Amino acid sequence: MTDSPKKADELAGSEQPFVAHLVELRDRLVKAFIAVAVVAVVLGVYPGPGALYDLMAAPLVAHLPKGATLIATSVISPFMVPLKVLLMAAFMVALPVVLYQLWAFVAPGLYSHEKKLVLPLVMSSTLLFFIGVAFCYFFVFGRVFAFIQSFAPASITASPDIEAYLSFVLSMFLAFGMAFEVPVVVVVLARMGIFSIQKLKEFRGYFVVLAFIIAAIVTPPDVVSQLALAIPMCLLYEVGIWAAQVFIRHTKAPDDSAETSSNPG
């Protein structure tokens, strides 16, 4: 008995020469760069680099002693630091466009069931990163700075350097943004079969310890910021386990069992 023809490959005929891939990659990168540049120009006009830095520094300034301000210890810092903040803000605002260009480049090479996995992960990872940054800025900073200033002796007037503060903010934004990616990591590990859902559930206790260790390493040595990072990570781990079950159920590859069963050979 002859076998019936196999199901047509979804990607058949979609191959492109290597040079064509390079050209498309160049075009996508140019479009992403233009998006960042346009946003940078708009933000440079309004509200402006100085206003953006003031916005970023607001949580700290609100907890400095009366009359205290941030200082610049380098001659070019008053120019370079606000410019860096402007570029950082422009990249974050344009990030959805940058990720879309990345998606548009890789999507033609993916099967339909892979697209069902990758696109939601790209969107959710972007959203979670922004949520982590917003959580750090609006919730964590105020409590951390208040906690730190409460320990400052009366004989000390705090006047932080603007470059040091920028470095601190970037590291905290990155730490919280990446920490909020826990559900995405859990989903990917489960979907790729590296860990089963049952194994992930059994790892809960170890992850709690791991979360507190990570928080102790990447945050300042104060209990407020450590708890503010570790507790959300633990909660997001549970969210990731739930999301992994949903993704696995809805992003399975097409099953050929029916086809093979109809052709016993």
C-alpha atoms as a PDB file:
ATOM      1  CA  MET A   1       0.000   0.000   0.000  1.00  0.00           C
ATOM      2  CA  THR A   2       1.466   3.349  -1.023  1.00  0.00           C
ATOM      3  CA  ASP A   3       1.678   6.239   1.382  1.00  0.00           C
ATOM      4  CA  SER A   4      -0.506   9.276   0.742  1.00  0.00           C
ATOM      5  CA  PRO A   5       1.307  12.571  -0.079  1.00  0.00           C
ATOM      6  CA  LYS A   6       2.587  14.423   2.962  1.00  0.00           C
ATOM      7  CA  LYS A   7       1.098  17.752   3.960  1.00  0.00           C
ATOM      8  CA  ALA A   8       2.683  20.609   2.011  1.00  0.00           C
ATOM      9  CA  ASP A   9       5.385  22.535   3.838  1.00  0.00           C
ATOM     10  CA  GLU A  10       4.123  25.999   4.822  1.00  0.00           C
ATOM     11  CA  LEU A  11       7.504  27.532   4.004  1.00  0.00           C
ATOM     12  CA  ALA A  12       7.926  25.868   0.624  1.00  0.00           C
ATOM     13  CA  GLY A  13       8.900  28.434  -1.996  1.00  0.00           C
ATOM     14  CA  SER A  14       9.522  31.177   0.537  1.00  0.00           C
ATOM     15  CA  GLU A  15      13.318  30.843   0.550  1.00  0.00           C
ATOM     16  CA  GLN A  16      15.333  33.953  -0.320  1.00  0.00           C
ATOM     17  CA  PRO A  17      18.971  34.343  -1.368  1.00  0.00           C
ATOM     18  CA  PHE A  18      21.406  35.241   1.395  1.00  0.00           C
ATOM     19  CA  VAL A  19      22.021  38.693  -0.112  1.00  0.00           C
ATOM     20  CA  ALA A  20      18.274  39.382  -0.094  1.00  0.00           C
ATOM     21  CA  HIS A  21      18.195  38.560   3.626  1.00  0.00           C
ATOM     22  CA  LEU A  22      21.038  40.990   4.269  1.00  0.00           C
ATOM     23  CA  VAL A  23      19.281  43.718   2.298  1.00  0.00           C
ATOM     24  CA  GLU A  24      16.055  43.177   4.207  1.00  0.00           C
ATOM     25  CA  LEU A  25      17.930  43.168   7.533  1.00  0.00           C
ATOM     26  CA  ARG A  26      19.592  46.454   6.579  1.00  0.00           C
ATOM     27  CA  ASP A  27      16.246  47.988   5.679  1.00  0.00           C
ATOM     28  CA  ARG A  28      14.679  46.846   8.954  1.00  0.00           C
ATOM     29  CA  LEU A  29      17.584  48.242  10.983  1.00  0.00           C
ATOM     30  CA  VAL A  30      17.369  51.559   9.131  1.00  0.00           C
ATOM     31  CA  LYS A  31      13.647  51.797   9.853  1.00  0.00           C
ATOM     32  CA  ALA A  32      14.267  51.027  13.543  1.00  0.00           C
ATOM     33  CA  PHE A  33      17.024  53.657  13.692  1.00  0.00           C
ATOM     34  CA  ILE A  34      14.782  56.229  11.999  1.00  0.00           C
ATOM     35  CA  ALA A  35      12.036  55.531  14.545  1.00  0.00           C
ATOM     36  CA  VAL A  36      14.434  56.117  17.444  1.00  0.00           C
ATOM     37  CA  ALA A  37      15.843  59.253  15.771  1.00  0.00           C
ATOM     38  CA  VAL A  38      12.390  60.728  15.126  1.00  0.00           C
ATOM     39  CA  VAL A  39      11.327  60.142  18.731  1.00  0.00           C
ATOM     40  CA  ALA A  40      14.632  61.649  19.947  1.00  0.00           C
ATOM     41  CA  VAL A  41      14.042  64.784  17.878  1.00  0.00           C
ATOM     42  CA  VAL A  42      10.481  65.123  19.167  1.00  0.00           C
ATOM     43  CA  LEU A  43      11.557  64.645  22.777  1.00  0.00           C
ATOM     44  CA  GLY A  44      14.479  66.998  22.219  1.00  0.00           C
ATOM     45  CA  VAL A  45      12.071  69.742  21.179  1.00  0.00           C
ATOM     46  CA  TYR A  46       9.544  68.995  23.893  1.00  0.00           C
ATOM     47  CA  PRO A  47       9.946  68.499  26.773  1.00  0.00           C
ATOM     48  CA  GLY A  48      13.703  68.700  26.136  1.00  0.00           C
ATOM     49  CA  PRO A  49      16.722  66.834  27.581  1.00  0.00           C
ATOM     50  CA  GLY A  50      16.857  68.929  30.756  1.00  0.00           C
ATOM     51  CA  ALA A  51      13.190  68.390  31.544  1.00  0.00           C
ATOM     52  CA  LEU A  52      13.565  64.642  30.966  1.00  0.00           C
ATOM     53  CA  TYR A  53      16.446  64.498  33.424  1.00  0.00           C
ATOM     54  CA  ASP A  54      14.450  66.517  35.951  1.00  0.00           C
ATOM     55  CA  LEU A  55      11.624  64.013  35.562  1.00  0.00           C
ATOM     56  CA  MET A  56      14.005  61.111  36.110  1.00  0.00           C
ATOM     57  CA  ALA A  57      15.574  62.836  39.143  1.00  0.00           C
ATOM     58  CA  ALA A  58      12.237  63.812  40.723  1.00  0.00           C
ATOM     59  CA  PRO A  59      11.976  60.768  43.059  1.00  0.00           C
ATOM     60  CA  LEU A  60      15.424  61.528  44.513  1.00  0.00           C
ATOM     61  CA  VAL A  61      15.054  65.317  44.681  1.00  0.00           C
ATOM     62  CA  ALA A  62      11.793  64.912  46.593  1.00  0.00           C
ATOM     63  CA  HIS A  63      13.702  63.218  49.433  1.00  0.00           C
ATOM     64  CA  LEU A  64      16.807  65.416  49.533  1.00  0.00           C
ATOM     65  CA  PRO A  65      17.208  67.879  52.418  1.00  0.00           C
ATOM     66  CA  LYS A  66      15.705  71.305  51.814  1.00  0.00           C
ATOM     67  CA  GLY A  67      17.928  73.339  49.533  1.00  0.00           C
ATOM     68  CA  ALA A  68      20.047  70.360  48.425  1.00  0.00           C
ATOM     69  CA  THR A  69      20.415  69.613  44.700  1.00  0.00           C
ATOM     70  CA  LEU A  70      22.228  67.198  42.452  1.00  0.00           C
ATOM     71  CA  ILE A  71      25.713  68.254  41.370  1.00  0.00           C
ATOM     72  CA  ALA A  72      27.926  67.763  38.317  1.00  0.00           C
ATOM     73  CA  THR A  73      31.556  66.859  39.024  1.00  0.00           C
ATOM     74  CA  SER A  74      32.576  66.805  35.347  1.00  0.00           C
ATOM     75  CA  VAL A  75      32.736  69.792  33.021  1.00  0.00           C
ATOM     76  CA  ILE A  76      30.683  68.140  30.259  1.00  0.00           C
ATOM     77  CA  SER A  77      28.243  66.290  32.530  1.00  0.00           C
ATOM     78  CA  PRO A  78      25.517  68.974  32.348  1.00  0.00           C
ATOM     79  CA  PHE A  79      25.454  68.395  28.578  1.00  0.00           C
ATOM     80  CA  MET A  80      26.175  64.681  28.214  1.00  0.00           C
ATOM     81  CA  VAL A  81      23.982  63.297  30.991  1.00  0.00           C
ATOM     82  CA  PRO A  82      20.695  64.875  29.806  1.00  0.00           C
ATOM     83  CA  LEU A  83      21.602  63.789  26.265  1.00  0.00           C
ATOM     84  CA  LYS A  84      22.012  60.184  27.441  1.00  0.00           C
ATOM     85  CA  VAL A  85      18.648  60.397  29.184  1.00  0.00           C
ATOM     86  CA  LEU A  86      17.099  61.700  25.970  1.00  0.00           C
ATOM     87  CA  LEU A  87      18.491  58.793  23.946  1.00  0.00           C
ATOM     88  CA  MET A  88      17.382  56.289  26.581  1.00  0.00           C
ATOM     89  CA  ALA A  89      13.862  57.707  26.595  1.00  0.00           C
ATOM     90  CA  ALA A  90      13.740  57.760  22.787  1.00  0.00           C
ATOM     91  CA  PHE A  91      14.778  54.113  22.564  1.00  0.00           C
ATOM     92  CA  MET A  92      12.181  53.054  25.121  1.00  0.00           C
ATOM     93  CA  VAL A  93       9.381  54.986  23.412  1.00  0.00           C
ATOM     94  CA  ALA A  94      10.379  53.575  20.003  1.00  0.00           C
ATOM     95  CA  LEU A  95      10.924  50.038  21.336  1.00  0.00           C
ATOM     96  CA  PRO A  96       7.588  48.710  19.967  1.00  0.00           C
ATOM     97  CA  VAL A  97       8.641  49.823  16.468  1.00  0.00           C
ATOM     98  CA  VAL A  98      12.098  48.282  16.891  1.00  0.00           C
ATOM     99  CA  LEU A  99      10.618  44.978  18.007  1.00  0.00           C
ATOM    100  CA  TYR A 100       8.072  45.050  15.182  1.00  0.00           C
ATOM    101  CA  GLN A 101      10.904  45.385  12.657  1.00  0.00           C
ATOM    102  CA  LEU A 102      12.621  42.408  14.283  1.00  0.00           C
ATOM    103  CA  TRP A 103       9.378  40.437  14.134  1.00  0.00           C
ATOM    104  CA  ALA A 104       8.764  41.370  10.480  1.00  0.00           C
ATOM    105  CA  PHE A 105      12.266  40.107   9.621  1.00  0.00           C
ATOM    106  CA  VAL A 106      11.981  36.683  11.279  1.00  0.00           C
ATOM    107  CA  ALA A 107       8.249  36.007  10.780  1.00  0.00           C
ATOM    108  CA  PRO A 108       8.479  34.756   7.155  1.00  0.00           C
ATOM    109  CA  GLY A 109      10.792  31.970   8.327  1.00  0.00           C
ATOM    110  CA  LEU A 110       8.428  30.711  11.007  1.00  0.00           C
ATOM    111  CA  TYR A 111       5.663  28.134  10.809  1.00  0.00           C
ATOM    112  CA  SER A 112       2.161  29.174  11.832  1.00  0.00           C
ATOM    113  CA  HIS A 113       2.396  27.384  15.201  1.00  0.00           C
ATOM    114  CA  GLU A 114       5.744  29.114  15.844  1.00  0.00           C
ATOM    115  CA  LYS A 115       4.211  32.513  15.045  1.00  0.00           C
ATOM    116  CA  LYS A 116       1.530  31.784  17.634  1.00  0.00           C
ATOM    117  CA  LEU A 117       4.330  31.452  20.179  1.00  0.00           C
ATOM    118  CA  VAL A 118       6.820  34.153  19.138  1.00  0.00           C
ATOM    119  CA  LEU A 119       4.494  37.112  18.549  1.00  0.00           C
ATOM    120  CA  PRO A 120       2.748  36.901  21.955  1.00  0.00           C
ATOM    121  CA  LEU A 121       6.130  36.467  23.646  1.00  0.00           C
ATOM    122  CA  VAL A 122       7.563  39.555  21.922  1.00  0.00           C
ATOM    123  CA  MET A 123       4.530  41.639  22.883  1.00  0.00           C
ATOM    124  CA  SER A 124       4.322  40.351  26.447  1.00  0.00           C
ATOM    125  CA  SER A 125       8.069  40.702  27.087  1.00  0.00           C
ATOM    126  CA  THR A 126       7.926  44.339  25.934  1.00  0.00           C
ATOM    127  CA  LEU A 127       4.908  45.084  28.114  1.00  0.00           C
ATOM    128  CA  LEU A 128       6.430  43.343  31.140  1.00  0.00           C
ATOM    129  CA  PHE A 129       9.694  45.269  30.747  1.00  0.00           C
ATOM    130  CA  PHE A 130       7.816  48.584  30.720  1.00  0.00           C
ATOM    131  CA  ILE A 131       5.765  47.510  33.743  1.00  0.00           C
ATOM    132  CA  GLY A 132       8.976  46.643  35.598  1.00  0.00           C
ATOM    133  CA  VAL A 133      10.509  50.036  34.810  1.00  0.00           C
ATOM    134  CA  ALA A 134       7.310  51.867  35.819  1.00  0.00           C
ATOM    135  CA  PHE A 135       7.083  49.857  39.050  1.00  0.00           C
ATOM    136  CA  CYS A 136      10.685  50.810  39.856  1.00  0.00           C
ATOM    137  CA  TYR A 137      10.164  54.516  39.125  1.00  0.00           C
ATOM    138  CA  PHE A 138       6.753  55.090  40.725  1.00  0.00           C
ATOM    139  CA  PHE A 139       6.913  52.674  43.663  1.00  0.00           C
ATOM    140  CA  VAL A 140      10.442  51.555  44.503  1.00  0.00           C
ATOM    141  CA  PHE A 141      12.454  54.766  44.117  1.00  0.00           C
ATOM    142  CA  GLY A 142      10.384  56.825  46.541  1.00  0.00           C
ATOM    143  CA  ARG A 143      10.578  54.209  49.284  1.00  0.00           C
ATOM    144  CA  VAL A 144      14.259  53.431  48.743  1.00  0.00           C
ATOM    145  CA  PHE A 145      15.321  57.097  48.823  1.00  0.00           C
ATOM    146  CA  ALA A 146      13.173  57.776  51.884  1.00  0.00           C
ATOM    147  CA  PHE A 147      14.698  54.747  53.627  1.00  0.00           C
ATOM    148  CA  ILE A 148      18.262  55.810  52.764  1.00  0.00           C
ATOM    149  CA  GLN A 149      17.764  59.440  53.808  1.00  0.00           C
ATOM    150  CA  SER A 150      16.328  58.322  57.141  1.00  0.00           C
ATOM    151  CA  PHE A 151      19.768  56.902  58.004  1.00  0.00           C
ATOM    152  CA  ALA A 152      21.754  59.973  56.901  1.00  0.00           C
ATOM    153  CA  PRO A 153      23.406  61.787  59.823  1.00  0.00           C
ATOM    154  CA  ALA A 154      22.342  65.390  60.390  1.00  0.00           C
ATOM    155  CA  SER A 155      25.920  66.528  59.752  1.00  0.00           C
ATOM    156  CA  ILE A 156      25.814  65.236  56.153  1.00  0.00           C
ATOM    157  CA  THR A 157      24.153  67.106  53.285  1.00  0.00           C
ATOM    158  CA  ALA A 158      23.412  64.761  50.414  1.00  0.00           C
ATOM    159  CA  SER A 159      24.322  66.172  46.978  1.00  0.00           C
ATOM    160  CA  PRO A 160      24.494  63.200  44.586  1.00  0.00           C
ATOM    161  CA  ASP A 161      26.392  63.460  41.323  1.00  0.00           C
ATOM    162  CA  ILE A 162      24.173  63.439  38.226  1.00  0.00           C
ATOM    163  CA  GLU A 163      26.284  60.829  36.414  1.00  0.00           C
ATOM    164  CA  ALA A 164      26.252  58.525  39.433  1.00  0.00           C
ATOM    165  CA  TYR A 165      22.484  58.938  39.702  1.00  0.00           C
ATOM    166  CA  LEU A 166      22.019  58.158  35.994  1.00  0.00           C
ATOM    167  CA  SER A 167      24.109  54.999  36.381  1.00  0.00           C
ATOM    168  CA  PHE A 168      22.051  54.004  39.429  1.00  0.00           C
ATOM    169  CA  VAL A 169      18.750  54.593  37.615  1.00  0.00           C
ATOM    170  CA  LEU A 170      19.802  52.651  34.523  1.00  0.00           C
ATOM    171  CA  SER A 171      20.965  49.679  36.591  1.00  0.00           C
ATOM    172  CA  MET A 172      17.717  49.676  38.600  1.00  0.00           C
ATOM    173  CA  PHE A 173      15.565  50.019  35.479  1.00  0.00           C
ATOM    174  CA  LEU A 174      17.426  47.139  33.872  1.00  0.00           C
ATOM    175  CA  ALA A 175      17.188  44.995  37.013  1.00  0.00           C
ATOM    176  CA  PHE A 176      13.440  45.468  37.427  1.00  0.00           C
ATOM    177  CA  GLY A 177      12.739  45.315  33.703  1.00  0.00           C
ATOM    178  CA  MET A 178      14.573  41.996  33.390  1.00  0.00           C
ATOM    179  CA  ALA A 179      13.090  40.650  36.635  1.00  0.00           C
ATOM    180  CA  PHE A 180       9.600  41.207  35.272  1.00  0.00           C
ATOM    181  CA  GLU A 181      10.512  38.933  32.329  1.00  0.00           C
ATOM    182  CA  VAL A 182      10.269  35.881  34.610  1.00  0.00           C
ATOM    183  CA  PRO A 183       6.934  34.705  33.105  1.00  0.00           C
ATOM    184  CA  VAL A 184       8.409  34.826  29.589  1.00  0.00           C
ATOM    185  CA  VAL A 185      11.436  32.778  30.652  1.00  0.00           C
ATOM    186  CA  VAL A 186       9.209  30.198  32.355  1.00  0.00           C
ATOM    187  CA  VAL A 187       6.990  29.924  29.264  1.00  0.00           C
ATOM    188  CA  VAL A 188       9.974  29.449  26.948  1.00  0.00           C
ATOM    189  CA  LEU A 189      11.561  26.796  29.191  1.00  0.00           C
ATOM    190  CA  ALA A 190       8.291  24.879  29.383  1.00  0.00           C
ATOM    191  CA  ARG A 191       7.400  25.256  25.698  1.00  0.00           C
ATOM    192  CA  MET A 192      10.825  24.051  24.560  1.00  0.00           C
ATOM    193  CA  GLY A 193      10.506  21.022  26.805  1.00  0.00           C
ATOM    194  CA  ILE A 194      13.518  21.888  28.938  1.00  0.00           C
ATOM    195  CA  PHE A 195      11.369  21.686  32.075  1.00  0.00           C
ATOM    196  CA  SER A 196       7.926  20.199  32.479  1.00  0.00           C
ATOM    197  CA  ILE A 197       5.128  22.059  34.241  1.00  0.00           C
ATOM    198  CA  GLN A 198       5.416  19.621  37.143  1.00  0.00           C
ATOM    199  CA  LYS A 199       9.150  20.283  37.474  1.00  0.00           C
ATOM    200  CA  LEU A 200       8.528  24.033  37.454  1.00  0.00           C
ATOM    201  CA  LYS A 201       5.984  23.644  40.242  1.00  0.00           C
ATOM    202  CA  GLU A 202       8.432  21.563  42.275  1.00  0.00           C
ATOM    203  CA  PHE A 203      11.092  24.272  41.784  1.00  0.00           C
ATOM    204  CA  ARG A 204       8.952  26.927  43.536  1.00  0.00           C
ATOM    205  CA  GLY A 205      10.787  26.775  46.846  1.00  0.00           C
ATOM    206  CA  TYR A 206      14.204  26.976  45.205  1.00  0.00           C
ATOM    207  CA  PHE A 207      13.081  29.901  43.051  1.00  0.00           C
ATOM    208  CA  VAL A 208      12.041  31.890  46.123  1.00  0.00           C
ATOM    209  CA  VAL A 209      15.581  31.523  47.501  1.00  0.00           C
ATOM    210  CA  LEU A 210      17.047  32.345  44.074  1.00  0.00           C
ATOM    211  CA  ALA A 211      14.865  35.463  43.771  1.00  0.00           C
ATOM    212  CA  PHE A 212      16.094  36.833  47.102  1.00  0.00           C
ATOM    213  CA  ILE A 213      19.714  36.082  46.175  1.00  0.00           C
ATOM    214  CA  ILE A 214      19.324  37.934  42.860  1.00  0.00           C
ATOM    215  CA  ALA A 215      17.623  40.839  44.612  1.00  0.00           C
ATOM    216  CA  ALA A 216      20.452  41.062  47.133  1.00  0.00           C
ATOM    217  CA  ILE A 217      23.032  41.180  44.333  1.00  0.00           C
ATOM    218  CA  VAL A 218      21.467  43.633  41.871  1.00  0.00           C
ATOM    219  CA  THR A 219      19.787  46.111  44.237  1.00  0.00           C
ATOM    220  CA  PRO A 220      21.258  48.500  46.817  1.00  0.00           C
ATOM    221  CA  PRO A 221      21.980  46.999  50.248  1.00  0.00           C
ATOM    222  CA  ASP A 222      18.625  47.943  51.742  1.00  0.00           C
ATOM    223  CA  VAL A 223      15.726  45.682  52.621  1.00  0.00           C
ATOM    224  CA  VAL A 224      13.137  47.833  50.838  1.00  0.00           C
ATOM    225  CA  SER A 225      14.504  47.459  47.308  1.00  0.00           C
ATOM    226  CA  GLN A 226      15.378  43.810  47.885  1.00  0.00           C
ATOM    227  CA  LEU A 227      11.828  42.953  48.934  1.00  0.00           C
ATOM    228  CA  ALA A 228      10.418  45.125  46.144  1.00  0.00           C
ATOM    229  CA  LEU A 229      12.320  43.029  43.592  1.00  0.00           C
ATOM    230  CA  ALA A 230      12.138  39.554  45.126  1.00  0.00           C
ATOM    231  CA  ILE A 231       8.409  39.472  45.944  1.00  0.00           C
ATOM    232  CA  PRO A 232       7.225  40.425  42.412  1.00  0.00           C
ATOM    233  CA  MET A 233       9.627  37.843  40.960  1.00  0.00           C
ATOM    234  CA  CYS A 234       8.030  35.122  43.080  1.00  0.00           C
ATOM    235  CA  LEU A 235       4.526  36.204  42.067  1.00  0.00           C
ATOM    236  CA  LEU A 236       5.501  36.422  38.409  1.00  0.00           C
ATOM    237  CA  TYR A 237       6.943  32.910  38.580  1.00  0.00           C
ATOM    238  CA  GLU A 238       3.466  31.655  39.432  1.00  0.00           C
ATOM    239  CA  VAL A 239       2.045  33.704  36.564  1.00  0.00           C
ATOM    240  CA  GLY A 240       4.617  32.103  34.266  1.00  0.00           C
ATOM    241  CA  ILE A 241       3.576  28.577  35.265  1.00  0.00           C
ATOM    242  CA  TRP A 242      -0.057  29.384  34.495  1.00  0.00           C
ATOM    243  CA  ALA A 243       0.856  31.086  31.205  1.00  0.00           C
ATOM    244  CA  ALA A 244       3.074  28.155  30.188  1.00  0.00           C
ATOM    245  CA  GLN A 245       0.147  25.759  30.413  1.00  0.00           C
ATOM    246  CA  VAL A 246      -1.933  28.033  28.183  1.00  0.00           C
ATOM    247  CA  PHE A 247       0.857  28.502  25.634  1.00  0.00           C
ATOM    248  CA  ILE A 248       1.670  24.811  25.412  1.00  0.00           C
ATOM    249  CA  ARG A 249      -1.983  24.043  24.748  1.00  0.00           C
ATOM    250  CA  HIS A 250      -2.355  26.664  22.000  1.00  0.00           C
ATOM    251  CA  THR A 251       1.035  26.560  20.241  1.00  0.00           C
ATOM    252  CA  LYS A 252       1.522  22.881  19.514  1.00  0.00           C
ATOM    253  CA  ALA A 253       2.918  21.869  16.140  1.00  0.00           C
ATOM    254  CA  PRO A 254       0.435  20.270  13.704  1.00  0.00           C
ATOM    255  CA  ASP A 255      -0.089  16.636  14.654  1.00  0.00           C
ATOM    256  CA  ASP A 256       0.540  14.047  11.962  1.00  0.00           C
ATOM    257  CA  SER A 257      -0.949  11.156  13.903  1.00  0.00           C
ATOM    258  CA  ALA A 258      -4.224  11.234  11.981  1.00  0.00           C
ATOM    259  CA  GLU A 259      -2.354  11.112   8.679  1.00  0.00           C
ATOM    260  CA  THR A 260      -0.155   8.207   9.704  1.00  0.00           C
ATOM    261  CA  SER A 261      -3.085   6.282  11.183  1.00  0.00           C
ATOM    262  CA  SER A 262      -4.946   6.517   7.865  1.00  0.00           C
ATOM    263  CA  ASN A 263      -1.921   4.897   6.160  1.00  0.00           C
ATOM    264  CA  PRO A 264      -1.128   1.706   8.120  1.00  0.00           C
ATOM    265  CA  GLY A 265       1.424   0.768   5.462  1.00  0.00           C
END
